[in-house]
Amino acid sequence: MHAKPPKTALPKTKPPREQSPARQRGGQPGNRNGQRHGLMGGQVPKGCEYVQNRVNALRRNVEDAVLAAKGEIGIVDAAAINSILKWERHGLLAAHWLRHEADKLSPGDRLRFSEAIAKASDARDKSIRSLGLDRDAGDNVLDALYARLPAPVENTDESA
């Protein structure tokens, strides 16, 4: 009998894959990956997934409004957006639990849930106002002070 020589393990290498010019790597045009600011608001409890969907829709609307008004989302704007989302989530969860657990709650507990909903709404609105989206750019005093005046128009009419 002939003994087989031991197999030596050669590293498998794949030939380099050529990139076709039609394929783009990374995010596709129009996605929101570049807008993510890394601030996370947490997850919702089981059975409240609809709350997360509503919060995500609000996030997209607020981000679109900030981009339209300012052209970018800065760190202060990102923090305000994060606060908006947390307060919205808090209010929606309180409303959910009040709606589904009201028969198990005392009148005082129901009032506390109701108060939590109102406070969350107020805090959310304050955070939205902090973005300054409702101000007209012409209302900014500093911009008005430092705006360049138009150059005087010279009269080029020869008959004058």
Protein backbone atom coordinates (compact mmCIF):
# COMPACT_ATOMS: atom_id res chain seq x y z
CA MET A 1 0.00 0.00 0.00
CA HIS A 2 1.12 3.42 -0.78
CA ALA A 3 0.86 6.03 1.91
CA LYS A 4 -0.72 9.24 0.79
CA PRO A 5 1.37 12.31 1.35
CA PRO A 6 -0.16 14.71 3.89
CA LYS A 7 -2.16 17.51 2.38
CA THR A 8 -0.82 20.93 3.09
CA ALA A 9 -3.42 23.57 3.67
CA LEU A 10 -2.93 26.39 1.28
CA PRO A 11 -4.70 29.62 2.05
CA LYS A 12 -7.58 30.16 -0.25
CA THR A 13 -7.45 33.48 -1.93
CA LYS A 14 -10.16 34.92 -4.04
CA PRO A 15 -9.21 36.78 -7.14
CA PRO A 16 -9.87 40.50 -6.75
CA ARG A 17 -13.40 41.36 -7.72
CA GLU A 18 -13.57 44.09 -10.25
CA GLN A 19 -16.04 46.86 -9.60
CA SER A 20 -18.34 47.55 -12.45
CA PRO A 21 -18.84 51.26 -13.06
CA ALA A 22 -22.62 50.90 -12.71
CA ARG A 23 -22.45 49.62 -9.12
CA GLN A 24 -22.08 52.18 -6.37
CA ARG A 25 -20.82 51.32 -2.96
CA GLY A 26 -22.31 52.84 0.16
CA GLY A 27 -25.60 54.61 0.58
CA GLN A 28 -27.80 55.21 -2.36
CA PRO A 29 -28.86 58.71 -3.38
CA GLY A 30 -31.67 60.09 -1.27
CA ASN A 31 -31.12 57.94 1.81
CA ARG A 32 -30.77 59.50 5.26
CA ASN A 33 -27.61 57.75 6.47
CA GLY A 34 -25.61 60.97 6.35
CA GLN A 35 -28.11 62.71 8.61
CA ARG A 36 -27.83 60.30 11.50
CA HIS A 37 -26.38 61.98 14.47
CA GLY A 38 -25.71 58.96 16.66
CA LEU A 39 -28.13 60.02 19.38
CA MET A 40 -30.48 57.21 20.25
CA GLY A 41 -33.78 57.44 22.03
CA GLY A 42 -34.22 53.81 23.03
CA GLN A 43 -36.71 51.19 22.04
CA VAL A 44 -40.38 50.85 22.86
CA PRO A 45 -41.91 47.97 24.82
CA LYS A 46 -43.41 45.00 23.03
CA GLY A 47 -46.85 45.77 21.64
CA CYS A 48 -46.03 49.47 21.16
CA GLU A 49 -44.23 49.22 17.82
CA TYR A 50 -46.73 51.65 16.28
CA VAL A 51 -45.30 54.29 18.65
CA GLN A 52 -41.85 53.82 17.13
CA ASN A 53 -43.32 54.16 13.63
CA ARG A 54 -45.01 57.45 14.56
CA VAL A 55 -41.83 58.75 16.20
CA ASN A 56 -39.78 57.84 13.10
CA ALA A 57 -42.26 59.69 10.87
CA LEU A 58 -41.96 62.75 13.13
CA ARG A 59 -38.15 62.49 12.99
CA ARG A 60 -38.18 62.49 9.19
CA ASN A 61 -40.51 65.51 9.10
CA VAL A 62 -38.43 67.50 11.59
CA GLU A 63 -35.15 66.62 9.84
CA ASP A 64 -36.64 67.70 6.51
CA ALA A 65 -37.78 71.00 8.02
CA VAL A 66 -34.36 71.69 9.55
CA LEU A 67 -32.59 70.85 6.29
CA ALA A 68 -34.94 73.11 4.34
CA ALA A 69 -34.47 75.99 6.77
CA LYS A 70 -30.76 75.67 7.56
CA GLY A 71 -29.23 73.43 4.92
CA GLU A 72 -27.69 71.06 7.49
CA ILE A 73 -28.32 69.47 10.87
CA GLY A 74 -25.75 70.71 13.37
CA ILE A 75 -25.01 69.13 16.73
CA VAL A 76 -27.34 71.50 18.62
CA ASP A 77 -30.13 70.78 16.14
CA ALA A 78 -29.45 67.03 16.44
CA ALA A 79 -29.74 67.24 20.22
CA ALA A 80 -33.01 69.17 19.94
CA ILE A 81 -34.37 66.60 17.48
CA ASN A 82 -33.38 63.84 19.89
CA SER A 83 -35.27 65.61 22.71
CA ILE A 84 -38.31 66.06 20.47
CA LEU A 85 -38.36 62.35 19.75
CA LYS A 86 -37.91 61.30 23.36
CA TRP A 87 -40.74 63.53 24.54
CA GLU A 88 -43.02 62.38 21.73
CA ARG A 89 -42.28 58.75 22.59
CA HIS A 90 -42.92 59.44 26.28
CA GLY A 91 -46.28 61.07 25.57
CA LEU A 92 -47.38 58.34 23.17
CA LEU A 93 -46.44 55.60 25.63
CA ALA A 94 -48.26 57.35 28.47
CA ALA A 95 -51.35 57.69 26.25
CA HIS A 96 -51.08 54.02 25.29
CA TRP A 97 -50.91 52.84 28.89
CA LEU A 98 -53.66 55.19 29.99
CA ARG A 99 -55.89 53.87 27.20
CA HIS A 100 -55.15 50.19 27.87
CA GLU A 101 -54.77 50.17 31.66
CA ALA A 102 -57.26 52.85 32.74
CA ASP A 103 -59.62 50.35 34.38
CA LYS A 104 -56.77 49.13 36.63
CA LEU A 105 -55.65 52.63 37.67
CA SER A 106 -56.91 54.77 40.50
CA PRO A 107 -58.28 58.23 39.60
CA GLY A 108 -55.03 59.77 40.91
CA ASP A 109 -52.94 57.47 38.70
CA ARG A 110 -55.08 58.36 35.69
CA LEU A 111 -54.49 62.04 36.39
CA ARG A 112 -50.74 61.44 36.62
CA PHE A 113 -50.75 59.70 33.24
CA SER A 114 -52.79 62.54 31.81
CA GLU A 115 -50.34 65.05 33.28
CA ALA A 116 -47.40 63.10 31.83
CA ILE A 117 -49.02 63.29 28.39
CA ALA A 118 -49.52 67.07 28.69
CA LYS A 119 -45.98 67.67 30.01
CA ALA A 120 -44.49 65.56 27.22
CA SER A 121 -46.44 67.53 24.65
CA ASP A 122 -45.31 70.84 26.12
CA ALA A 123 -41.65 69.76 26.35
CA ARG A 124 -41.77 68.43 22.76
CA ASP A 125 -43.16 71.75 21.53
CA LYS A 126 -40.45 73.72 23.40
CA SER A 127 -37.79 71.57 21.75
CA ILE A 128 -39.34 72.18 18.34
CA ARG A 129 -39.38 75.93 19.01
CA SER A 130 -35.70 75.77 20.00
CA LEU A 131 -34.89 74.80 16.40
CA GLY A 132 -36.05 78.25 15.28
CA LEU A 133 -37.95 76.93 12.28
CA ASP A 134 -40.78 79.44 12.53
CA ARG A 135 -38.55 82.50 12.21
CA ASP A 136 -38.18 84.28 8.94
CA ALA A 137 -34.54 84.74 7.96
CA GLY A 138 -35.22 88.46 7.49
CA ASP A 139 -36.20 88.74 11.15
CA ASN A 140 -32.70 88.01 12.36
CA VAL A 141 -31.31 91.30 13.67
CA LEU A 142 -27.66 90.34 13.23
CA ASP A 143 -28.23 89.31 9.63
CA ALA A 144 -29.96 92.61 8.97
CA LEU A 145 -27.15 94.60 10.61
CA TYR A 146 -24.38 92.90 8.67
CA ALA A 147 -26.18 92.56 5.37
CA ARG A 148 -24.43 94.25 2.49
CA LEU A 149 -26.21 97.18 1.03
CA PRO A 150 -26.80 97.04 -2.71
CA ALA A 151 -24.36 99.05 -4.77
CA PRO A 152 -25.70 102.42 -5.89
CA VAL A 153 -27.04 102.42 -9.41
CA GLU A 154 -25.37 104.98 -11.62
CA ASN A 155 -27.46 106.92 -14.09
CA THR A 156 -26.27 105.91 -17.54
CA ASP A 157 -28.88 107.90 -19.39
CA GLU A 158 -27.00 110.47 -21.58
CA SER A 159 -29.98 112.78 -21.95
CA ALA A 160 -29.98 113.77 -18.31
